[in-house]
Amino acid sequence: MIAHSYPKRSTRALPQVESTIYLDVAAPALRFTARAGFTVGHAHVNEGDTCIAVKSLRRQNRYYIVKFNATRQCLQCSCGLNFSDHDHLRTAQQYAESHSIDMEAKAEPLMPRKRTESRENALTVDVTAQSKPIDWKAVQKRDRARQKALNAEYWQKVEEARAQDARAVAK
């Protein structure tokens, strides 16, 4: 039996990252445009980005930040769930639909994307219609189909590599 000893410093919990901001308002959701860049939890907001602050149910006057991530082409929350579908994202989507907010208009990717042959499967949102609410269910459906196609393509390449390895071993 091997005994392991760890110093107390390494067994302590890491400090939690603050994922909310303090706002002295009573609204369940609030749209704003960032005047300066900042980081809250997982969300990195640049100057000029349109974001939605979603009220925390547990903490008084604390709000999570939901923004459109241009590199991933989906909404991102400052909480620990980040890109997963959860209450904060659903609340922000409902708020954006009811107030005709176009969050993608000013969002720009950090690095330019390379064009690939599977570009027609990429998620596209009509950002020219300012007055029409975005059909988030259709956007999510197209995104799931795109992810499924990419996943199938990945596993096909894995199977091809395994078959190639098996042929090399058999020789």
C-alpha atoms as a PDB file:
ATOM      1  CA  MET A   1       0.000   0.000   0.000  1.00  0.00           C
ATOM      2  CA  ILE A   2       1.352   3.384  -0.987  1.00  0.00           C
ATOM      3  CA  ALA A   3       0.510   6.292   1.263  1.00  0.00           C
ATOM      4  CA  HIS A   4       0.147   9.674  -0.320  1.00  0.00           C
ATOM      5  CA  SER A   5       0.564  12.854   1.602  1.00  0.00           C
ATOM      6  CA  TYR A   6      -0.730  16.122   0.301  1.00  0.00           C
ATOM      7  CA  PRO A   7      -0.010  19.479   1.859  1.00  0.00           C
ATOM      8  CA  LYS A   8      -3.026  21.322   3.204  1.00  0.00           C
ATOM      9  CA  ARG A   9      -2.628  24.070   0.650  1.00  0.00           C
ATOM     10  CA  SER A  10      -3.292  21.740  -2.301  1.00  0.00           C
ATOM     11  CA  THR A  11      -6.391  20.128  -0.743  1.00  0.00           C
ATOM     12  CA  ARG A  12      -8.196  23.402  -0.135  1.00  0.00           C
ATOM     13  CA  ALA A  13     -10.978  24.402  -2.488  1.00  0.00           C
ATOM     14  CA  LEU A  14     -10.168  26.926  -5.159  1.00  0.00           C
ATOM     15  CA  PRO A  15     -11.809  30.326  -4.781  1.00  0.00           C
ATOM     16  CA  GLN A  16     -15.055  30.670  -6.676  1.00  0.00           C
ATOM     17  CA  VAL A  17     -15.123  32.968  -9.665  1.00  0.00           C
ATOM     18  CA  GLU A  18     -17.734  35.692  -9.317  1.00  0.00           C
ATOM     19  CA  SER A  19     -20.244  35.168 -12.100  1.00  0.00           C
ATOM     20  CA  THR A  20     -22.751  37.926 -11.296  1.00  0.00           C
ATOM     21  CA  ILE A  21     -22.740  41.697 -11.187  1.00  0.00           C
ATOM     22  CA  TYR A  22     -24.541  43.998  -8.759  1.00  0.00           C
ATOM     23  CA  LEU A  23     -27.320  46.166 -10.208  1.00  0.00           C
ATOM     24  CA  ASP A  24     -29.687  48.218  -8.078  1.00  0.00           C
ATOM     25  CA  VAL A  25     -32.791  47.581 -10.224  1.00  0.00           C
ATOM     26  CA  ALA A  26     -35.814  45.316  -9.878  1.00  0.00           C
ATOM     27  CA  ALA A  27     -36.264  44.089 -13.468  1.00  0.00           C
ATOM     28  CA  PRO A  28     -36.103  40.328 -14.185  1.00  0.00           C
ATOM     29  CA  ALA A  29     -33.998  41.046 -17.292  1.00  0.00           C
ATOM     30  CA  LEU A  30     -32.288  44.150 -18.602  1.00  0.00           C
ATOM     31  CA  ARG A  31     -30.646  44.926 -21.951  1.00  0.00           C
ATOM     32  CA  PHE A  32     -27.503  47.030 -22.075  1.00  0.00           C
ATOM     33  CA  THR A  33     -24.615  47.923 -24.349  1.00  0.00           C
ATOM     34  CA  ALA A  34     -21.169  47.711 -22.774  1.00  0.00           C
ATOM     35  CA  ARG A  35     -19.317  51.029 -22.607  1.00  0.00           C
ATOM     36  CA  ALA A  36     -16.073  49.261 -21.724  1.00  0.00           C
ATOM     37  CA  GLY A  37     -14.814  45.695 -21.964  1.00  0.00           C
ATOM     38  CA  PHE A  38     -15.078  43.477 -18.887  1.00  0.00           C
ATOM     39  CA  THR A  39     -15.093  39.850 -17.788  1.00  0.00           C
ATOM     40  CA  VAL A  40     -17.670  38.270 -15.498  1.00  0.00           C
ATOM     41  CA  GLY A  41     -17.404  34.547 -14.847  1.00  0.00           C
ATOM     42  CA  HIS A  42     -17.204  32.876 -18.272  1.00  0.00           C
ATOM     43  CA  ALA A  43     -18.441  35.865 -20.300  1.00  0.00           C
ATOM     44  CA  HIS A  44     -15.866  38.197 -21.853  1.00  0.00           C
ATOM     45  CA  VAL A  45     -17.762  41.305 -22.936  1.00  0.00           C
ATOM     46  CA  ASN A  46     -16.128  43.723 -25.373  1.00  0.00           C
ATOM     47  CA  GLU A  47     -16.873  47.412 -25.693  1.00  0.00           C
ATOM     48  CA  GLY A  48     -20.056  47.936 -27.718  1.00  0.00           C
ATOM     49  CA  ASP A  49     -21.444  44.404 -27.226  1.00  0.00           C
ATOM     50  CA  THR A  50     -25.171  44.133 -26.594  1.00  0.00           C
ATOM     51  CA  CYS A  51     -25.854  41.973 -23.544  1.00  0.00           C
ATOM     52  CA  ILE A  52     -28.775  41.001 -21.343  1.00  0.00           C
ATOM     53  CA  ALA A  53     -28.525  40.961 -17.563  1.00  0.00           C
ATOM     54  CA  VAL A  54     -30.712  38.177 -16.108  1.00  0.00           C
ATOM     55  CA  LYS A  55     -31.716  38.396 -12.456  1.00  0.00           C
ATOM     56  CA  SER A  56     -30.401  35.739 -10.073  1.00  0.00           C
ATOM     57  CA  LEU A  57     -33.154  33.889  -8.247  1.00  0.00           C
ATOM     58  CA  ARG A  58     -31.024  33.193  -5.165  1.00  0.00           C
ATOM     59  CA  ARG A  59     -29.086  36.414  -4.698  1.00  0.00           C
ATOM     60  CA  GLN A  60     -30.726  39.779  -4.282  1.00  0.00           C
ATOM     61  CA  ASN A  61     -29.761  42.509  -6.802  1.00  0.00           C
ATOM     62  CA  ARG A  62     -27.299  40.155  -8.562  1.00  0.00           C
ATOM     63  CA  TYR A  63     -27.495  39.595 -12.336  1.00  0.00           C
ATOM     64  CA  TYR A  64     -25.925  37.052 -14.715  1.00  0.00           C
ATOM     65  CA  ILE A  65     -24.634  38.358 -18.039  1.00  0.00           C
ATOM     66  CA  VAL A  66     -25.870  36.690 -21.247  1.00  0.00           C
ATOM     67  CA  LYS A  67     -24.190  37.663 -24.508  1.00  0.00           C
ATOM     68  CA  PHE A  68     -23.922  36.358 -28.050  1.00  0.00           C
ATOM     69  CA  ASN A  69     -20.616  34.564 -28.641  1.00  0.00           C
ATOM     70  CA  ALA A  70     -19.700  35.185 -32.283  1.00  0.00           C
ATOM     71  CA  THR A  71     -17.038  32.467 -32.462  1.00  0.00           C
ATOM     72  CA  ARG A  72     -19.446  29.746 -31.353  1.00  0.00           C
ATOM     73  CA  GLN A  73     -22.531  31.408 -32.877  1.00  0.00           C
ATOM     74  CA  CYS A  74     -24.662  30.923 -29.770  1.00  0.00           C
ATOM     75  CA  LEU A  75     -25.573  32.609 -26.499  1.00  0.00           C
ATOM     76  CA  GLN A  76     -23.149  32.458 -23.590  1.00  0.00           C
ATOM     77  CA  CYS A  77     -23.916  32.963 -19.900  1.00  0.00           C
ATOM     78  CA  SER A  78     -21.530  34.140 -17.206  1.00  0.00           C
ATOM     79  CA  CYS A  79     -22.603  31.352 -14.843  1.00  0.00           C
ATOM     80  CA  GLY A  80     -20.962  27.935 -14.619  1.00  0.00           C
ATOM     81  CA  LEU A  81     -23.257  26.375 -17.222  1.00  0.00           C
ATOM     82  CA  ASN A  82     -21.843  28.738 -19.864  1.00  0.00           C
ATOM     83  CA  PHE A  83     -23.184  27.488 -23.258  1.00  0.00           C
ATOM     84  CA  SER A  84     -25.554  24.736 -22.012  1.00  0.00           C
ATOM     85  CA  ASP A  85     -29.277  25.285 -22.277  1.00  0.00           C
ATOM     86  CA  HIS A  86     -30.524  26.548 -18.890  1.00  0.00           C
ATOM     87  CA  ASP A  87     -32.901  29.087 -17.300  1.00  0.00           C
ATOM     88  CA  HIS A  88     -30.665  32.140 -17.769  1.00  0.00           C
ATOM     89  CA  LEU A  89     -30.340  31.571 -21.520  1.00  0.00           C
ATOM     90  CA  ARG A  90     -34.049  30.833 -21.909  1.00  0.00           C
ATOM     91  CA  THR A  91     -34.964  34.013 -19.991  1.00  0.00           C
ATOM     92  CA  ALA A  92     -32.590  36.062 -22.167  1.00  0.00           C
ATOM     93  CA  GLN A  93     -34.037  34.517 -25.355  1.00  0.00           C
ATOM     94  CA  GLN A  94     -37.597  35.305 -24.277  1.00  0.00           C
ATOM     95  CA  TYR A  95     -36.585  38.856 -23.358  1.00  0.00           C
ATOM     96  CA  ALA A  96     -34.800  39.345 -26.712  1.00  0.00           C
ATOM     97  CA  GLU A  97     -37.811  38.008 -28.627  1.00  0.00           C
ATOM     98  CA  SER A  98     -40.332  40.141 -26.755  1.00  0.00           C
ATOM     99  CA  HIS A  99     -38.247  43.332 -27.131  1.00  0.00           C
ATOM    100  CA  SER A 100     -36.998  42.646 -30.705  1.00  0.00           C
ATOM    101  CA  ILE A 101     -33.354  42.769 -29.682  1.00  0.00           C
ATOM    102  CA  ASP A 102     -30.719  41.742 -32.219  1.00  0.00           C
ATOM    103  CA  MET A 103     -27.759  40.672 -30.098  1.00  0.00           C
ATOM    104  CA  GLU A 104     -25.675  39.445 -33.053  1.00  0.00           C
ATOM    105  CA  ALA A 105     -25.523  42.786 -34.879  1.00  0.00           C
ATOM    106  CA  LYS A 106     -22.440  44.180 -33.134  1.00  0.00           C
ATOM    107  CA  ALA A 107     -20.789  40.912 -32.145  1.00  0.00           C
ATOM    108  CA  GLU A 108     -17.620  40.223 -34.117  1.00  0.00           C
ATOM    109  CA  PRO A 109     -15.454  37.112 -33.881  1.00  0.00           C
ATOM    110  CA  LEU A 110     -12.081  37.531 -32.203  1.00  0.00           C
ATOM    111  CA  MET A 111     -10.272  35.815 -35.100  1.00  0.00           C
ATOM    112  CA  PRO A 112     -11.482  35.572 -38.718  1.00  0.00           C
ATOM    113  CA  ARG A 113     -13.011  32.221 -39.591  1.00  0.00           C
ATOM    114  CA  LYS A 114     -11.636  30.055 -42.362  1.00  0.00           C
ATOM    115  CA  ARG A 115     -14.159  28.994 -44.972  1.00  0.00           C
ATOM    116  CA  THR A 116     -14.697  25.267 -45.319  1.00  0.00           C
ATOM    117  CA  GLU A 117     -16.733  23.119 -47.652  1.00  0.00           C
ATOM    118  CA  SER A 118     -19.261  22.392 -44.869  1.00  0.00           C
ATOM    119  CA  ARG A 119     -20.061  26.121 -44.605  1.00  0.00           C
ATOM    120  CA  GLU A 120     -23.647  25.621 -45.838  1.00  0.00           C
ATOM    121  CA  ASN A 121     -24.340  23.665 -42.626  1.00  0.00           C
ATOM    122  CA  ALA A 122     -23.128  26.559 -40.486  1.00  0.00           C
ATOM    123  CA  LEU A 123     -25.584  28.412 -38.310  1.00  0.00           C
ATOM    124  CA  THR A 124     -26.926  31.512 -40.035  1.00  0.00           C
ATOM    125  CA  VAL A 125     -29.162  34.120 -38.494  1.00  0.00           C
ATOM    126  CA  ASP A 126     -30.876  36.875 -40.481  1.00  0.00           C
ATOM    127  CA  VAL A 127     -29.500  40.016 -38.837  1.00  0.00           C
ATOM    128  CA  THR A 128     -30.825  42.413 -41.475  1.00  0.00           C
ATOM    129  CA  ALA A 129     -34.408  42.371 -40.180  1.00  0.00           C
ATOM    130  CA  GLN A 130     -34.268  44.650 -37.152  1.00  0.00           C
ATOM    131  CA  SER A 131     -37.978  44.561 -36.344  1.00  0.00           C
ATOM    132  CA  LYS A 132     -38.525  40.784 -36.573  1.00  0.00           C
ATOM    133  CA  PRO A 133     -37.917  38.697 -33.456  1.00  0.00           C
ATOM    134  CA  ILE A 134     -35.417  35.898 -33.915  1.00  0.00           C
ATOM    135  CA  ASP A 135     -36.853  32.379 -34.037  1.00  0.00           C
ATOM    136  CA  TRP A 136     -34.535  30.869 -31.431  1.00  0.00           C
ATOM    137  CA  LYS A 137     -35.981  27.372 -31.723  1.00  0.00           C
ATOM    138  CA  ALA A 138     -35.145  27.285 -35.432  1.00  0.00           C
ATOM    139  CA  VAL A 139     -31.667  28.630 -34.727  1.00  0.00           C
ATOM    140  CA  GLN A 140     -31.076  25.951 -32.079  1.00  0.00           C
ATOM    141  CA  LYS A 141     -32.438  23.244 -34.385  1.00  0.00           C
ATOM    142  CA  ARG A 142     -30.036  24.254 -37.182  1.00  0.00           C
ATOM    143  CA  ASP A 143     -27.168  24.409 -34.700  1.00  0.00           C
ATOM    144  CA  ARG A 144     -27.941  20.910 -33.371  1.00  0.00           C
ATOM    145  CA  ALA A 145     -28.045  19.580 -36.954  1.00  0.00           C
ATOM    146  CA  ARG A 146     -24.692  21.241 -37.691  1.00  0.00           C
ATOM    147  CA  GLN A 147     -23.145  19.777 -34.530  1.00  0.00           C
ATOM    148  CA  LYS A 148     -24.552  16.335 -35.337  1.00  0.00           C
ATOM    149  CA  ALA A 149     -23.040  16.472 -38.844  1.00  0.00           C
ATOM    150  CA  LEU A 150     -19.652  17.515 -37.466  1.00  0.00           C
ATOM    151  CA  ASN A 151     -19.802  14.729 -34.878  1.00  0.00           C
ATOM    152  CA  ALA A 152     -20.668  12.129 -37.545  1.00  0.00           C
ATOM    153  CA  GLU A 153     -17.803  13.389 -39.724  1.00  0.00           C
ATOM    154  CA  TYR A 154     -15.399  13.130 -36.760  1.00  0.00           C
ATOM    155  CA  TRP A 155     -16.405   9.553 -35.914  1.00  0.00           C
ATOM    156  CA  GLN A 156     -16.177   8.543 -39.567  1.00  0.00           C
ATOM    157  CA  LYS A 157     -12.565   9.753 -39.625  1.00  0.00           C
ATOM    158  CA  VAL A 158     -11.875   7.892 -36.361  1.00  0.00           C
ATOM    159  CA  GLU A 159     -13.238   4.652 -37.837  1.00  0.00           C
ATOM    160  CA  GLU A 160     -11.156   5.140 -40.991  1.00  0.00           C
ATOM    161  CA  ALA A 161      -8.022   5.657 -38.882  1.00  0.00           C
ATOM    162  CA  ARG A 162      -8.796   2.530 -36.815  1.00  0.00           C
ATOM    163  CA  ALA A 163      -9.290   0.475 -39.981  1.00  0.00           C
ATOM    164  CA  GLN A 164      -6.029   1.799 -41.379  1.00  0.00           C
ATOM    165  CA  ASP A 165      -4.219   0.891 -38.136  1.00  0.00           C
ATOM    166  CA  ALA A 166      -5.741  -2.609 -38.214  1.00  0.00           C
ATOM    167  CA  ARG A 167      -4.502  -3.084 -41.811  1.00  0.00           C
ATOM    168  CA  ALA A 168      -1.020  -1.901 -40.824  1.00  0.00           C
ATOM    169  CA  VAL A 169      -0.917  -4.359 -37.892  1.00  0.00           C
ATOM    170  CA  ALA A 170      -2.148  -7.223 -40.086  1.00  0.00           C
ATOM    171  CA  LYS A 171       0.741  -6.758 -42.577  1.00  0.00           C
END
